[in-house]
Amino acid sequence: MSASCHDAQNVEVMVFARITADPARMGGVPCIRGLRVPVATIVGMVADGMSVADILGAYPDLEAEDVAEALRFAADAVREREIPLLSTG
């Protein structure tokens, strides 16, 4: 499970036990537990409407908590950022 902690500057930092980013693997892209399964792939599958069971069927090495942590990681990645939205009208 992820947890938050505070660094020396008293800024909250999220810690993710199941997310790894190794510059020597997949170009440093955040992946699940050192596997070659990018967090973005899992988040995209959820966004496309796939269930956790479907995702686990497609990636048998994953566990349900991997999917949950990928979503928490993605949420944290966009939290507190200003994202410009374009008006369609």
PDB file of N, CA and C in Angstrom:
ATOM      1  N   MET A   1       0.837  -1.184   0.000  1.00  0.00           N
ATOM      2  CA  MET A   1       0.000   0.000   0.000  1.00  0.00           C
ATOM      3  C   MET A   1       0.874   1.237   0.000  1.00  0.00           C
ATOM      4  N   SER A   2       0.427   2.291  -0.645  1.00  0.00           N
ATOM      5  CA  SER A   2       1.209   3.514  -0.659  1.00  0.00           C
ATOM      6  C   SER A   2       1.021   4.241   0.656  1.00  0.00           C
ATOM      7  N   ALA A   3       1.994   5.050   0.971  1.00  0.00           N
ATOM      8  CA  ALA A   3       1.940   5.853   2.182  1.00  0.00           C
ATOM      9  C   ALA A   3       2.554   7.196   1.864  1.00  0.00           C
ATOM     10  N   SER A   4       2.269   8.160   2.677  1.00  0.00           N
ATOM     11  CA  SER A   4       2.889   9.457   2.460  1.00  0.00           C
ATOM     12  C   SER A   4       3.888   9.708   3.575  1.00  0.00           C
ATOM     13  N   CYS A   5       4.890  10.482   3.244  1.00  0.00           N
ATOM     14  CA  CYS A   5       5.866  10.895   4.235  1.00  0.00           C
ATOM     15  C   CYS A   5       6.267  12.321   3.895  1.00  0.00           C
ATOM     16  N   HIS A   6       7.026  12.925   4.762  1.00  0.00           N
ATOM     17  CA  HIS A   6       7.453  14.302   4.533  1.00  0.00           C
ATOM     18  C   HIS A   6       8.956  14.319   4.360  1.00  0.00           C
ATOM     19  N   ASP A   7       9.438  15.054   3.339  1.00  0.00           N
ATOM     20  CA  ASP A   7      10.876  15.137   3.148  1.00  0.00           C
ATOM     21  C   ASP A   7      11.446  16.270   3.990  1.00  0.00           C
ATOM     22  N   ALA A   8      12.722  16.572   3.825  1.00  0.00           N
ATOM     23  CA  ALA A   8      13.405  17.571   4.656  1.00  0.00           C
ATOM     24  C   ALA A   8      12.796  18.957   4.518  1.00  0.00           C
ATOM     25  N   GLN A   9      12.148  19.229   3.422  1.00  0.00           N
ATOM     26  CA  GLN A   9      11.538  20.541   3.201  1.00  0.00           C
ATOM     27  C   GLN A   9      10.071  20.544   3.604  1.00  0.00           C
ATOM     28  N   ASN A  10       9.633  19.478   4.286  1.00  0.00           N
ATOM     29  CA  ASN A  10       8.270  19.328   4.764  1.00  0.00           C
ATOM     30  C   ASN A  10       7.254  19.305   3.624  1.00  0.00           C
ATOM     31  N   VAL A  11       7.656  18.714   2.507  1.00  0.00           N
ATOM     32  CA  VAL A  11       6.776  18.523   1.363  1.00  0.00           C
ATOM     33  C   VAL A  11       6.298  17.083   1.402  1.00  0.00           C
ATOM     34  N   GLU A  12       5.008  16.873   1.227  1.00  0.00           N
ATOM     35  CA  GLU A  12       4.485  15.514   1.265  1.00  0.00           C
ATOM     36  C   GLU A  12       4.925  14.746   0.020  1.00  0.00           C
ATOM     37  N   VAL A  13       5.475  13.563   0.241  1.00  0.00           N
ATOM     38  CA  VAL A  13       5.951  12.705  -0.827  1.00  0.00           C
ATOM     39  C   VAL A  13       5.242  11.365  -0.690  1.00  0.00           C
ATOM     40  N   MET A  14       4.684  10.874  -1.779  1.00  0.00           N
ATOM     41  CA  MET A  14       4.018   9.577  -1.748  1.00  0.00           C
ATOM     42  C   MET A  14       5.050   8.482  -1.990  1.00  0.00           C
ATOM     43  N   VAL A  15       4.904   7.389  -1.266  1.00  0.00           N
ATOM     44  CA  VAL A  15       5.779   6.237  -1.413  1.00  0.00           C
ATOM     45  C   VAL A  15       4.936   5.098  -1.985  1.00  0.00           C
ATOM     46  N   PHE A  16       5.407   4.517  -3.057  1.00  0.00           N
ATOM     47  CA  PHE A  16       4.677   3.446  -3.722  1.00  0.00           C
ATOM     48  C   PHE A  16       5.542   2.189  -3.728  1.00  0.00           C
ATOM     49  N   ALA A  17       5.115   1.187  -3.000  1.00  0.00           N
ATOM     50  CA  ALA A  17       5.889  -0.043  -2.867  1.00  0.00           C
ATOM     51  C   ALA A  17       5.867  -0.892  -4.132  1.00  0.00           C
ATOM     52  N   ARG A  18       4.841  -0.763  -4.945  1.00  0.00           N
ATOM     53  CA  ARG A  18       4.686  -1.625  -6.119  1.00  0.00           C
ATOM     54  C   ARG A  18       5.063  -0.944  -7.431  1.00  0.00           C
ATOM     55  N   ILE A  19       5.483   0.310  -7.377  1.00  0.00           N
ATOM     56  CA  ILE A  19       5.849   1.045  -8.582  1.00  0.00           C
ATOM     57  C   ILE A  19       7.366   1.220  -8.597  1.00  0.00           C
ATOM     58  N   THR A  20       7.984   0.855  -9.698  1.00  0.00           N
ATOM     59  CA  THR A  20       9.422   1.016  -9.836  1.00  0.00           C
ATOM     60  C   THR A  20       9.723   1.814 -11.098  1.00  0.00           C
ATOM     61  N   ALA A  21      10.832   2.524 -11.069  1.00  0.00           N
ATOM     62  CA  ALA A  21      11.301   3.264 -12.240  1.00  0.00           C
ATOM     63  C   ALA A  21      12.815   3.089 -12.301  1.00  0.00           C
ATOM     64  N   ASP A  22      13.266   2.302 -13.246  1.00  0.00           N
ATOM     65  CA  ASP A  22      14.682   1.982 -13.394  1.00  0.00           C
ATOM     66  C   ASP A  22      15.146   2.501 -14.750  1.00  0.00           C
ATOM     67  N   PRO A  23      16.090   3.446 -14.775  1.00  0.00           N
ATOM     68  CA  PRO A  23      16.549   3.987 -16.053  1.00  0.00           C
ATOM     69  C   PRO A  23      17.069   2.917 -17.016  1.00  0.00           C
ATOM     70  N   ALA A  24      17.523   1.787 -16.491  1.00  0.00           N
ATOM     71  CA  ALA A  24      18.044   0.716 -17.329  1.00  0.00           C
ATOM     72  C   ALA A  24      16.950  -0.214 -17.855  1.00  0.00           C
ATOM     73  N   ARG A  25      15.720  -0.007 -17.400  1.00  0.00           N
ATOM     74  CA  ARG A  25      14.614  -0.869 -17.827  1.00  0.00           C
ATOM     75  C   ARG A  25      13.476   0.015 -18.327  1.00  0.00           C
ATOM     76  N   MET A  26      13.024  -0.256 -19.503  1.00  0.00           N
ATOM     77  CA  MET A  26      11.897   0.472 -20.113  1.00  0.00           C
ATOM     78  C   MET A  26      12.142   1.985 -20.131  1.00  0.00           C
ATOM     79  N   GLY A  27      13.403   2.390 -20.217  1.00  0.00           N
ATOM     80  CA  GLY A  27      13.737   3.814 -20.288  1.00  0.00           C
ATOM     81  C   GLY A  27      13.352   4.606 -19.058  1.00  0.00           C
ATOM     82  N   GLY A  28      13.193   3.942 -17.926  1.00  0.00           N
ATOM     83  CA  GLY A  28      12.850   4.648 -16.693  1.00  0.00           C
ATOM     84  C   GLY A  28      11.371   4.912 -16.512  1.00  0.00           C
ATOM     85  N   VAL A  29      10.554   4.385 -17.408  1.00  0.00           N
ATOM     86  CA  VAL A  29       9.102   4.551 -17.307  1.00  0.00           C
ATOM     87  C   VAL A  29       8.612   3.841 -16.036  1.00  0.00           C
ATOM     88  N   PRO A  30       7.741   4.468 -15.247  1.00  0.00           N
ATOM     89  CA  PRO A  30       7.207   3.797 -14.055  1.00  0.00           C
ATOM     90  C   PRO A  30       6.482   2.506 -14.437  1.00  0.00           C
ATOM     91  N   CYS A  31       6.891   1.408 -13.806  1.00  0.00           N
ATOM     92  CA  CYS A  31       6.337   0.089 -14.092  1.00  0.00           C
ATOM     93  C   CYS A  31       5.866  -0.569 -12.802  1.00  0.00           C
ATOM     94  N   ILE A  32       5.159  -1.655 -12.958  1.00  0.00           N
ATOM     95  CA  ILE A  32       4.668  -2.425 -11.825  1.00  0.00           C
ATOM     96  C   ILE A  32       5.742  -3.411 -11.369  1.00  0.00           C
ATOM     97  N   ARG A  33       6.182  -3.294 -10.128  1.00  0.00           N
ATOM     98  CA  ARG A  33       7.099  -4.226  -9.461  1.00  0.00           C
ATOM     99  C   ARG A  33       8.278  -4.682 -10.307  1.00  0.00           C
ATOM    100  N   GLY A  34       8.871  -3.804 -11.066  1.00  0.00           N
ATOM    101  CA  GLY A  34      10.032  -4.183 -11.858  1.00  0.00           C
ATOM    102  C   GLY A  34       9.705  -5.001 -13.089  1.00  0.00           C
ATOM    103  N   LEU A  35       8.445  -5.295 -13.285  1.00  0.00           N
ATOM    104  CA  LEU A  35       8.018  -6.009 -14.487  1.00  0.00           C
ATOM    105  C   LEU A  35       8.012  -5.026 -15.656  1.00  0.00           C
ATOM    106  N   ARG A  36       7.933  -5.510 -16.824  1.00  0.00           N
ATOM    107  CA  ARG A  36       7.881  -4.629 -17.998  1.00  0.00           C
ATOM    108  C   ARG A  36       6.422  -4.291 -18.338  1.00  0.00           C
ATOM    109  N   VAL A  37       5.705  -3.885 -17.306  1.00  0.00           N
ATOM    110  CA  VAL A  37       4.302  -3.483 -17.454  1.00  0.00           C
ATOM    111  C   VAL A  37       4.193  -2.042 -16.957  1.00  0.00           C
ATOM    112  N   PRO A  38       4.148  -1.078 -17.884  1.00  0.00           N
ATOM    113  CA  PRO A  38       4.078   0.324 -17.482  1.00  0.00           C
ATOM    114  C   PRO A  38       2.777   0.664 -16.744  1.00  0.00           C
ATOM    115  N   VAL A  39       2.898   1.546 -15.781  1.00  0.00           N
ATOM    116  CA  VAL A  39       1.728   2.048 -15.060  1.00  0.00           C
ATOM    117  C   VAL A  39       0.728   2.628 -16.064  1.00  0.00           C
ATOM    118  N   ALA A  40       1.225   3.351 -17.052  1.00  0.00           N
ATOM    119  CA  ALA A  40       0.339   3.978 -18.039  1.00  0.00           C
ATOM    120  C   ALA A  40      -0.498   2.946 -18.792  1.00  0.00           C
ATOM    121  N   THR A  41       0.065   1.778 -19.041  1.00  0.00           N
ATOM    122  CA  THR A  41      -0.685   0.722 -19.725  1.00  0.00           C
ATOM    123  C   THR A  41      -1.863   0.276 -18.876  1.00  0.00           C
ATOM    124  N   ILE A  42      -1.611   0.070 -17.584  1.00  0.00           N
ATOM    125  CA  ILE A  42      -2.678  -0.370 -16.678  1.00  0.00           C
ATOM    126  C   ILE A  42      -3.745   0.710 -16.540  1.00  0.00           C
ATOM    127  N   VAL A  43      -3.325   1.948 -16.377  1.00  0.00           N
ATOM    128  CA  VAL A  43      -4.290   3.052 -16.244  1.00  0.00           C
ATOM    129  C   VAL A  43      -5.115   3.176 -17.526  1.00  0.00           C
ATOM    130  N   GLY A  44      -4.476   3.018 -18.670  1.00  0.00           N
ATOM    131  CA  GLY A  44      -5.198   3.073 -19.944  1.00  0.00           C
ATOM    132  C   GLY A  44      -6.223   1.961 -20.075  1.00  0.00           C
ATOM    133  N   MET A  45      -5.882   0.783 -19.594  1.00  0.00           N
ATOM    134  CA  MET A  45      -6.824  -0.344 -19.645  1.00  0.00           C
ATOM    135  C   MET A  45      -8.054  -0.061 -18.785  1.00  0.00           C
ATOM    136  N   VAL A  46      -7.827   0.515 -17.604  1.00  0.00           N
ATOM    137  CA  VAL A  46      -8.954   0.882 -16.738  1.00  0.00           C
ATOM    138  C   VAL A  46      -9.799   1.954 -17.430  1.00  0.00           C
ATOM    139  N   ALA A  47      -9.130   2.931 -18.019  1.00  0.00           N
ATOM    140  CA  ALA A  47      -9.852   4.010 -18.717  1.00  0.00           C
ATOM    141  C   ALA A  47     -10.670   3.478 -19.886  1.00  0.00           C
ATOM    142  N   ASP A  48     -10.195   2.404 -20.499  1.00  0.00           N
ATOM    143  CA  ASP A  48     -10.927   1.782 -21.616  1.00  0.00           C
ATOM    144  C   ASP A  48     -12.075   0.895 -21.152  1.00  0.00           C
ATOM    145  N   GLY A  49     -12.254   0.810 -19.825  1.00  0.00           N
ATOM    146  CA  GLY A  49     -13.388   0.065 -19.294  1.00  0.00           C
ATOM    147  C   GLY A  49     -13.091  -1.373 -18.902  1.00  0.00           C
ATOM    148  N   MET A  50     -11.836  -1.765 -18.921  1.00  0.00           N
ATOM    149  CA  MET A  50     -11.506  -3.133 -18.532  1.00  0.00           C
ATOM    150  C   MET A  50     -11.628  -3.296 -17.020  1.00  0.00           C
ATOM    151  N   SER A  51     -12.111  -4.429 -16.606  1.00  0.00           N
ATOM    152  CA  SER A  51     -12.215  -4.721 -15.172  1.00  0.00           C
ATOM    153  C   SER A  51     -10.854  -5.186 -14.661  1.00  0.00           C
ATOM    154  N   VAL A  52     -10.700  -5.182 -13.349  1.00  0.00           N
ATOM    155  CA  VAL A  52      -9.467  -5.694 -12.750  1.00  0.00           C
ATOM    156  C   VAL A  52      -9.268  -7.150 -13.163  1.00  0.00           C
ATOM    157  N   ALA A  53     -10.342  -7.928 -13.176  1.00  0.00           N
ATOM    158  CA  ALA A  53     -10.243  -9.331 -13.585  1.00  0.00           C
ATOM    159  C   ALA A  53      -9.738  -9.456 -15.027  1.00  0.00           C
ATOM    160  N   ASP A  54     -10.215  -8.596 -15.923  1.00  0.00           N
ATOM    161  CA  ASP A  54      -9.755  -8.607 -17.311  1.00  0.00           C
ATOM    162  C   ASP A  54      -8.267  -8.279 -17.400  1.00  0.00           C
ATOM    163  N   ILE A  55      -7.841  -7.274 -16.622  1.00  0.00           N
ATOM    164  CA  ILE A  55      -6.434  -6.858 -16.630  1.00  0.00           C
ATOM    165  C   ILE A  55      -5.551  -7.979 -16.089  1.00  0.00           C
ATOM    166  N   LEU A  56      -5.990  -8.616 -15.014  1.00  0.00           N
ATOM    167  CA  LEU A  56      -5.220  -9.718 -14.446  1.00  0.00           C
ATOM    168  C   LEU A  56      -5.177 -10.901 -15.408  1.00  0.00           C
ATOM    169  N   GLY A  57      -6.218 -11.086 -16.203  1.00  0.00           N
ATOM    170  CA  GLY A  57      -6.213 -12.132 -17.217  1.00  0.00           C
ATOM    171  C   GLY A  57      -5.219 -11.832 -18.327  1.00  0.00           C
ATOM    172  N   ALA A  58      -5.092 -10.549 -18.672  1.00  0.00           N
ATOM    173  CA  ALA A  58      -4.158 -10.144 -19.726  1.00  0.00           C
ATOM    174  C   ALA A  58      -2.709 -10.163 -19.230  1.00  0.00           C
ATOM    175  N   TYR A  59      -2.526  -9.918 -17.945  1.00  0.00           N
ATOM    176  CA  TYR A  59      -1.192  -9.882 -17.330  1.00  0.00           C
ATOM    177  C   TYR A  59      -1.200 -10.772 -16.092  1.00  0.00           C
ATOM    178  N   PRO A  60      -1.025 -12.074 -16.257  1.00  0.00           N
ATOM    179  CA  PRO A  60      -1.129 -13.011 -15.130  1.00  0.00           C
ATOM    180  C   PRO A  60      -0.124 -12.777 -13.998  1.00  0.00           C
ATOM    181  N   ASP A  61       0.973 -12.072 -14.276  1.00  0.00           N
ATOM    182  CA  ASP A  61       1.952 -11.790 -13.218  1.00  0.00           C
ATOM    183  C   ASP A  61       1.503 -10.675 -12.277  1.00  0.00           C
ATOM    184  N   LEU A  62       0.456  -9.951 -12.649  1.00  0.00           N
ATOM    185  CA  LEU A  62      -0.027  -8.850 -11.810  1.00  0.00           C
ATOM    186  C   LEU A  62      -0.979  -9.355 -10.737  1.00  0.00           C
ATOM    187  N   GLU A  63      -1.133  -8.532  -9.713  1.00  0.00           N
ATOM    188  CA  GLU A  63      -2.084  -8.782  -8.634  1.00  0.00           C
ATOM    189  C   GLU A  63      -3.045  -7.600  -8.569  1.00  0.00           C
ATOM    190  N   ALA A  64      -4.193  -7.796  -7.979  1.00  0.00           N
ATOM    191  CA  ALA A  64      -5.200  -6.728  -7.901  1.00  0.00           C
ATOM    192  C   ALA A  64      -4.633  -5.470  -7.257  1.00  0.00           C
ATOM    193  N   GLU A  65      -3.792  -5.619  -6.255  1.00  0.00           N
ATOM    194  CA  GLU A  65      -3.209  -4.453  -5.587  1.00  0.00           C
ATOM    195  C   GLU A  65      -2.289  -3.677  -6.530  1.00  0.00           C
ATOM    196  N   ASP A  66      -1.699  -4.347  -7.513  1.00  0.00           N
ATOM    197  CA  ASP A  66      -0.879  -3.640  -8.508  1.00  0.00           C
ATOM    198  C   ASP A  66      -1.734  -2.654  -9.301  1.00  0.00           C
ATOM    199  N   VAL A  67      -2.915  -3.093  -9.685  1.00  0.00           N
ATOM    200  CA  VAL A  67      -3.829  -2.226 -10.441  1.00  0.00           C
ATOM    201  C   VAL A  67      -4.251  -1.044  -9.571  1.00  0.00           C
ATOM    202  N   ALA A  68      -4.603  -1.308  -8.326  1.00  0.00           N
ATOM    203  CA  ALA A  68      -5.022  -0.233  -7.417  1.00  0.00           C
ATOM    204  C   ALA A  68      -3.897   0.769  -7.209  1.00  0.00           C
ATOM    205  N   GLU A  69      -2.679   0.274  -7.026  1.00  0.00           N
ATOM    206  CA  GLU A  69      -1.568   1.202  -6.796  1.00  0.00           C
ATOM    207  C   GLU A  69      -1.222   1.986  -8.049  1.00  0.00           C
ATOM    208  N   ALA A  70      -1.379   1.381  -9.217  1.00  0.00           N
ATOM    209  CA  ALA A  70      -1.160   2.113 -10.464  1.00  0.00           C
ATOM    210  C   ALA A  70      -2.121   3.291 -10.565  1.00  0.00           C
ATOM    211  N   LEU A  71      -3.360   3.084 -10.160  1.00  0.00           N
ATOM    212  CA  LEU A  71      -4.343   4.174 -10.188  1.00  0.00           C
ATOM    213  C   LEU A  71      -4.004   5.249  -9.160  1.00  0.00           C
ATOM    214  N   ARG A  72      -3.566   4.838  -7.974  1.00  0.00           N
ATOM    215  CA  ARG A  72      -3.156   5.825  -6.962  1.00  0.00           C
ATOM    216  C   ARG A  72      -1.946   6.614  -7.448  1.00  0.00           C
ATOM    217  N   PHE A  73      -1.006   5.937  -8.090  1.00  0.00           N
ATOM    218  CA  PHE A  73       0.185   6.593  -8.623  1.00  0.00           C
ATOM    219  C   PHE A  73      -0.212   7.635  -9.673  1.00  0.00           C
ATOM    220  N   ALA A  74      -1.104   7.256 -10.579  1.00  0.00           N
ATOM    221  CA  ALA A  74      -1.556   8.177 -11.623  1.00  0.00           C
ATOM    222  C   ALA A  74      -2.278   9.376 -11.029  1.00  0.00           C
ATOM    223  N   ALA A  75      -3.114   9.130 -10.034  1.00  0.00           N
ATOM    224  CA  ALA A  75      -3.825  10.230  -9.379  1.00  0.00           C
ATOM    225  C   ALA A  75      -2.841  11.182  -8.714  1.00  0.00           C
ATOM    226  N   ASP A  76      -1.833  10.621  -8.063  1.00  0.00           N
ATOM    227  CA  ASP A  76      -0.840  11.459  -7.405  1.00  0.00           C
ATOM    228  C   ASP A  76      -0.023  12.239  -8.430  1.00  0.00           C
ATOM    229  N   ALA A  77       0.232  11.658  -9.583  1.00  0.00           N
ATOM    230  CA  ALA A  77       1.029  12.311 -10.621  1.00  0.00           C
ATOM    231  C   ALA A  77       0.357  13.565 -11.159  1.00  0.00           C
ATOM    232  N   VAL A  78      -0.959  13.601 -11.175  1.00  0.00           N
ATOM    233  CA  VAL A  78      -1.659  14.774 -11.706  1.00  0.00           C
ATOM    234  C   VAL A  78      -2.221  15.685 -10.620  1.00  0.00           C
ATOM    235  N   ARG A  79      -2.132  15.256  -9.382  1.00  0.00           N
ATOM    236  CA  ARG A  79      -2.635  16.066  -8.269  1.00  0.00           C
ATOM    237  C   ARG A  79      -1.807  17.336  -8.135  1.00  0.00           C
ATOM    238  N   GLU A  80      -2.446  18.402  -7.784  1.00  0.00           N
ATOM    239  CA  GLU A  80      -1.777  19.672  -7.520  1.00  0.00           C
ATOM    240  C   GLU A  80      -1.071  20.254  -8.736  1.00  0.00           C
ATOM    241  N   ARG A  81      -1.486  19.857  -9.894  1.00  0.00           N
ATOM    242  CA  ARG A  81      -0.927  20.437 -11.111  1.00  0.00           C
ATOM    243  C   ARG A  81      -2.025  21.160 -11.845  1.00  0.00           C
ATOM    244  N   GLU A  82      -1.647  22.229 -12.501  1.00  0.00           N
ATOM    245  CA  GLU A  82      -2.605  22.970 -13.298  1.00  0.00           C
ATOM    246  C   GLU A  82      -2.589  22.400 -14.708  1.00  0.00           C
ATOM    247  N   ILE A  83      -3.687  21.836 -15.126  1.00  0.00           N
ATOM    248  CA  ILE A  83      -3.778  21.253 -16.453  1.00  0.00           C
ATOM    249  C   ILE A  83      -4.740  22.094 -17.276  1.00  0.00           C
ATOM    250  N   PRO A  84      -4.238  22.720 -18.351  1.00  0.00           N
ATOM    251  CA  PRO A  84      -5.115  23.568 -19.161  1.00  0.00           C
ATOM    252  C   PRO A  84      -6.142  22.716 -19.910  1.00  0.00           C
ATOM    253  N   LEU A  85      -7.371  23.140 -19.855  1.00  0.00           N
ATOM    254  CA  LEU A  85      -8.440  22.469 -20.583  1.00  0.00           C
ATOM    255  C   LEU A  85      -8.920  23.394 -21.692  1.00  0.00           C
ATOM    256  N   LEU A  86      -9.076  22.852 -22.865  1.00  0.00           N
ATOM    257  CA  LEU A  86      -9.531  23.657 -23.987  1.00  0.00           C
ATOM    258  C   LEU A  86     -11.042  23.607 -24.061  1.00  0.00           C
ATOM    259  N   SER A  87     -11.642  24.735 -24.290  1.00  0.00           N
ATOM    260  CA  SER A  87     -13.085  24.817 -24.423  1.00  0.00           C
ATOM    261  C   SER A  87     -13.482  24.324 -25.817  1.00  0.00           C
ATOM    262  N   THR A  88     -14.557  23.556 -25.857  1.00  0.00           N
ATOM    263  CA  THR A  88     -15.036  23.061 -27.155  1.00  0.00           C
ATOM    264  C   THR A  88     -16.091  23.975 -27.752  1.00  0.00           C
ATOM    265  N   GLY A  89     -16.409  25.010 -27.045  1.00  0.00           N
ATOM    266  CA  GLY A  89     -17.484  25.863 -27.555  1.00  0.00           C
ATOM    267  C   GLY A  89     -17.167  27.242 -27.702  1.00  0.00           C
TER     268      GLY A  89
END
